[in-house]
Amino acid sequence: MCGVVCWLVGLNFNPKPKPFLSIFHACNRARGEERKFYTLVGTTEVNSLGEKRLTSRLKDGYFWAAVLIILATIYFSVATYLRWFDLGFMVGQYRFNHWLGWTGTVFVAIFTPLYYVSKRRYPKRGKALLGIHVIGNLIAFLLISVHFAHQVGRSPQYYPDLGTGVVLYLVMLVMAFTGIFQRFQLAQSQGRRWRFLHVSAAISFYLVIFVHVLHGIELI
């Protein structure tokens, strides 16, 4: 009996590795190598997909048109704010910069719902309609930006009551940039968030423009 106990104790404290432990460690190493392999493959696939998207984006004429319009928006907004251009001349009963703002706002207000209806009725023309939607809205945003810059750049004694105009411009800003992120698949992992913000901004646009018009004609 003592011999058996001594044998068991000696077995338990035997410093030599057990066969089943060797197999266990080998399996763990194999699993680790497998995880590394699939991680490497997954990373390679993601990088390859990113490169394809970048290549496709650089070959997209709409992408470069959008970039040019954004640069033009920045330039003309700064130039208008600093009064490099005088856009305050009268056209009919209103100043030219007001006509620019109204033109951009009316385009967005009319074409946005028209686009969503048309792309469902004419799915084969979806790409062309999307191009008009994106580029048209960016041009509209350019016009609205010039109008907003002219208003903000006015001298203190003639400074306007911006009121809902600031809110409307911020809503337009969100609409424009979330639309760009969706169209050209920028930060694709946040795609649902861009769509939510884009739709929310579009709905807010109509609510704010309604209040803005009432405020402009002094009904509220």
Protein backbone atom coordinates (compact mmCIF):
# COMPACT_ATOMS: atom_id res chain seq x y z
CA MET A 1 0.00 0.00 0.00
CA CYS A 2 2.81 2.38 0.92
CA GLY A 3 4.54 1.50 -2.32
CA VAL A 4 1.42 2.43 -4.32
CA VAL A 5 1.11 5.76 -2.49
CA CYS A 6 4.77 6.53 -3.04
CA TRP A 7 4.40 5.67 -6.74
CA LEU A 8 1.38 8.01 -7.08
CA VAL A 9 3.19 10.81 -5.27
CA GLY A 10 6.23 10.32 -7.44
CA LEU A 11 4.00 10.36 -10.52
CA ASN A 12 2.31 13.61 -9.46
CA PHE A 13 5.63 15.33 -8.82
CA ASN A 14 7.39 13.90 -11.81
CA PRO A 15 8.99 16.85 -13.55
CA LYS A 16 8.83 15.13 -16.91
CA PRO A 17 5.98 16.42 -19.12
CA LYS A 18 2.98 14.16 -19.53
CA PRO A 19 2.03 12.98 -23.00
CA PHE A 20 -1.46 14.49 -22.83
CA LEU A 21 0.01 17.86 -21.76
CA SER A 22 2.31 17.82 -24.77
CA ILE A 23 -0.66 17.15 -27.05
CA PHE A 24 -2.65 19.94 -25.32
CA HIS A 25 0.14 22.48 -25.83
CA ALA A 26 0.59 21.38 -29.44
CA CYS A 27 -3.13 21.92 -30.08
CA ASN A 28 -2.95 25.37 -28.53
CA ARG A 29 -0.01 26.30 -30.71
CA ALA A 30 -1.86 25.03 -33.78
CA ARG A 31 -4.93 27.08 -32.86
CA GLY A 32 -2.74 30.13 -32.34
CA GLU A 33 -1.18 29.70 -35.74
CA GLU A 34 -4.64 29.22 -37.27
CA ARG A 35 -5.88 32.45 -35.67
CA LYS A 36 -2.83 34.31 -36.96
CA PHE A 37 -3.43 32.90 -40.43
CA TYR A 38 -7.09 33.95 -40.57
CA THR A 39 -6.25 37.35 -39.10
CA LEU A 40 -3.62 37.83 -41.80
CA VAL A 41 -6.04 36.70 -44.51
CA GLY A 42 -8.79 38.96 -43.14
CA THR A 43 -6.45 41.95 -42.97
CA THR A 44 -5.26 41.27 -46.51
CA GLU A 45 -8.84 41.11 -47.77
CA VAL A 46 -9.75 44.36 -46.02
CA ASN A 47 -6.66 46.10 -47.43
CA SER A 48 -7.42 44.76 -50.89
CA LEU A 49 -11.03 45.98 -50.66
CA GLY A 50 -9.84 49.39 -49.49
CA GLU A 51 -7.40 49.64 -52.39
CA LYS A 52 -10.14 48.73 -54.87
CA ARG A 53 -12.46 51.38 -53.43
CA LEU A 54 -9.70 53.99 -53.59
CA THR A 55 -8.89 53.08 -57.21
CA SER A 56 -12.56 53.18 -58.14
CA ARG A 57 -12.96 56.53 -56.41
CA LEU A 58 -10.00 58.06 -58.21
CA LYS A 59 -11.43 56.94 -61.57
CA ASP A 60 -14.87 58.36 -60.76
CA GLY A 61 -15.53 61.64 -62.56
CA TYR A 62 -18.22 62.54 -60.04
CA PHE A 63 -15.64 62.32 -57.24
CA TRP A 64 -13.34 64.88 -58.86
CA ALA A 65 -16.31 67.11 -59.72
CA ALA A 66 -17.32 67.00 -56.04
CA VAL A 67 -13.77 67.88 -54.96
CA LEU A 68 -13.67 70.86 -57.34
CA ILE A 69 -17.05 72.14 -56.13
CA ILE A 70 -15.95 71.85 -52.48
CA LEU A 71 -12.75 73.80 -53.22
CA ALA A 72 -14.78 76.39 -55.15
CA THR A 73 -17.18 76.67 -52.21
CA ILE A 74 -14.32 77.38 -49.81
CA TYR A 75 -12.73 79.93 -52.15
CA PHE A 76 -15.89 81.86 -53.04
CA SER A 77 -17.13 81.83 -49.44
CA VAL A 78 -13.86 83.30 -48.14
CA ALA A 79 -13.69 85.78 -51.04
CA THR A 80 -17.27 86.90 -50.40
CA TYR A 81 -16.73 87.23 -46.65
CA LEU A 82 -13.62 89.37 -47.22
CA ARG A 83 -15.48 91.34 -49.90
CA TRP A 84 -13.15 90.46 -52.74
CA PHE A 85 -16.38 90.27 -54.73
CA ASP A 86 -19.23 92.72 -54.40
CA LEU A 87 -22.37 90.62 -54.54
CA GLY A 88 -24.61 93.14 -52.84
CA PHE A 89 -25.84 94.79 -56.03
CA MET A 90 -29.54 94.87 -56.72
CA VAL A 91 -31.30 92.51 -59.11
CA GLY A 92 -34.90 93.62 -59.23
CA GLN A 93 -36.10 94.27 -55.70
CA TYR A 94 -33.51 92.08 -53.97
CA ARG A 95 -29.74 91.84 -53.74
CA PHE A 96 -27.87 89.34 -55.89
CA ASN A 97 -26.59 87.31 -52.93
CA HIS A 98 -30.19 86.71 -51.84
CA TRP A 99 -31.02 85.33 -55.27
CA LEU A 100 -28.09 82.93 -54.95
CA GLY A 101 -29.31 81.65 -51.59
CA TRP A 102 -32.88 81.27 -52.81
CA THR A 103 -31.80 79.44 -55.96
CA GLY A 104 -29.78 76.91 -53.98
CA THR A 105 -32.50 76.41 -51.39
CA VAL A 106 -35.27 75.94 -53.97
CA PHE A 107 -33.19 73.38 -55.89
CA VAL A 108 -32.59 71.29 -52.77
CA ALA A 109 -36.21 71.62 -51.65
CA ILE A 110 -37.59 70.45 -55.01
CA PHE A 111 -35.03 67.97 -56.30
CA THR A 112 -34.45 66.03 -53.05
CA PRO A 113 -37.94 64.44 -52.90
CA LEU A 114 -37.98 64.24 -56.71
CA TYR A 115 -34.78 62.18 -56.60
CA TYR A 116 -36.13 59.68 -54.08
CA VAL A 117 -39.30 59.19 -56.13
CA SER A 118 -37.50 58.99 -59.50
CA LYS A 119 -34.88 56.44 -58.44
CA ARG A 120 -37.68 54.02 -57.52
CA ARG A 121 -39.70 54.62 -60.67
CA TYR A 122 -36.64 54.51 -62.96
CA PRO A 123 -34.13 52.16 -61.29
CA LYS A 124 -32.05 51.85 -64.48
CA ARG A 125 -31.34 55.58 -64.31
CA GLY A 126 -30.31 55.39 -60.67
CA LYS A 127 -26.64 56.23 -61.25
CA ALA A 128 -27.41 59.29 -63.38
CA LEU A 129 -30.03 60.48 -60.91
CA LEU A 130 -27.58 60.00 -58.03
CA GLY A 131 -24.97 62.02 -59.90
CA ILE A 132 -27.42 64.89 -60.44
CA HIS A 133 -28.49 64.64 -56.81
CA VAL A 134 -24.94 64.81 -55.45
CA ILE A 135 -23.45 67.38 -57.84
CA GLY A 136 -26.62 69.47 -57.96
CA ASN A 137 -26.87 69.65 -54.18
CA LEU A 138 -23.18 70.54 -53.88
CA ILE A 139 -23.64 73.41 -56.34
CA ALA A 140 -26.71 74.49 -54.38
CA PHE A 141 -24.64 74.34 -51.20
CA LEU A 142 -22.01 76.53 -52.91
CA LEU A 143 -24.65 79.17 -53.70
CA ILE A 144 -26.07 79.04 -50.18
CA SER A 145 -22.55 79.27 -48.70
CA VAL A 146 -21.81 82.41 -50.73
CA HIS A 147 -25.06 83.98 -49.55
CA PHE A 148 -24.34 83.02 -45.93
CA ALA A 149 -20.76 84.36 -46.15
CA HIS A 150 -22.06 87.65 -47.54
CA GLN A 151 -24.52 88.00 -44.67
CA VAL A 152 -21.96 87.11 -41.99
CA GLY A 153 -19.38 89.48 -43.51
CA ARG A 154 -21.56 92.57 -43.36
CA SER A 155 -20.37 95.52 -41.27
CA PRO A 156 -21.66 95.78 -37.66
CA GLN A 157 -24.01 98.68 -38.35
CA TYR A 158 -25.72 96.67 -41.10
CA TYR A 159 -25.37 93.23 -39.52
CA PRO A 160 -28.51 91.16 -40.20
CA ASP A 161 -30.55 89.10 -37.77
CA LEU A 162 -29.35 85.67 -38.88
CA GLY A 163 -31.82 83.79 -36.67
CA THR A 164 -32.86 80.56 -38.33
CA GLY A 165 -30.37 81.21 -41.14
CA VAL A 166 -27.54 79.81 -39.02
CA VAL A 167 -29.54 76.67 -38.21
CA LEU A 168 -30.49 76.24 -41.86
CA TYR A 169 -26.88 76.55 -43.00
CA LEU A 170 -25.68 74.00 -40.41
CA VAL A 171 -28.39 71.58 -41.56
CA MET A 172 -27.30 72.06 -45.17
CA LEU A 173 -23.69 71.47 -44.11
CA VAL A 174 -24.61 68.13 -42.51
CA MET A 175 -26.67 67.14 -45.56
CA ALA A 176 -23.83 67.93 -47.95
CA PHE A 177 -21.03 66.14 -46.14
CA THR A 178 -22.99 63.05 -45.04
CA GLY A 179 -24.14 62.77 -48.67
CA ILE A 180 -20.52 62.85 -49.84
CA PHE A 181 -19.51 60.23 -47.28
CA GLN A 182 -22.32 57.93 -48.47
CA ARG A 183 -21.86 58.46 -52.19
CA PHE A 184 -18.10 57.89 -52.23
CA GLN A 185 -18.05 55.29 -49.41
CA LEU A 186 -15.82 57.27 -47.08
CA ALA A 187 -15.52 55.82 -43.55
CA GLN A 188 -17.70 52.92 -44.71
CA SER A 189 -17.82 51.39 -41.23
CA GLN A 190 -20.02 54.34 -40.19
CA GLY A 191 -22.37 53.92 -43.17
CA ARG A 192 -25.53 53.54 -41.10
CA ARG A 193 -24.66 56.57 -39.04
CA TRP A 194 -24.10 58.70 -42.17
CA ARG A 195 -27.44 57.60 -43.58
CA PHE A 196 -29.25 58.36 -40.31
CA LEU A 197 -27.67 61.83 -40.11
CA HIS A 198 -28.37 62.50 -43.80
CA VAL A 199 -32.06 61.60 -43.57
CA SER A 200 -32.45 63.45 -40.27
CA ALA A 201 -30.84 66.57 -41.74
CA ALA A 202 -33.11 66.38 -44.82
CA ILE A 203 -36.21 66.26 -42.62
CA SER A 204 -34.87 69.10 -40.46
CA PHE A 205 -34.18 71.13 -43.61
CA TYR A 206 -37.88 71.33 -44.50
CA LEU A 207 -38.89 72.20 -40.96
CA VAL A 208 -36.26 74.93 -40.65
CA ILE A 209 -36.86 76.37 -44.13
CA PHE A 210 -40.57 76.73 -43.32
CA VAL A 211 -39.77 78.69 -40.16
CA HIS A 212 -37.05 80.66 -41.96
CA VAL A 213 -39.46 81.80 -44.67
CA LEU A 214 -42.07 82.84 -42.11
CA HIS A 215 -39.37 84.74 -40.22
CA GLY A 216 -38.17 86.38 -43.45
CA ILE A 217 -41.61 87.71 -44.36
CA GLU A 218 -42.07 88.82 -40.73
CA LEU A 219 -45.00 86.56 -39.94
CA ILE A 220 -43.22 85.28 -36.83
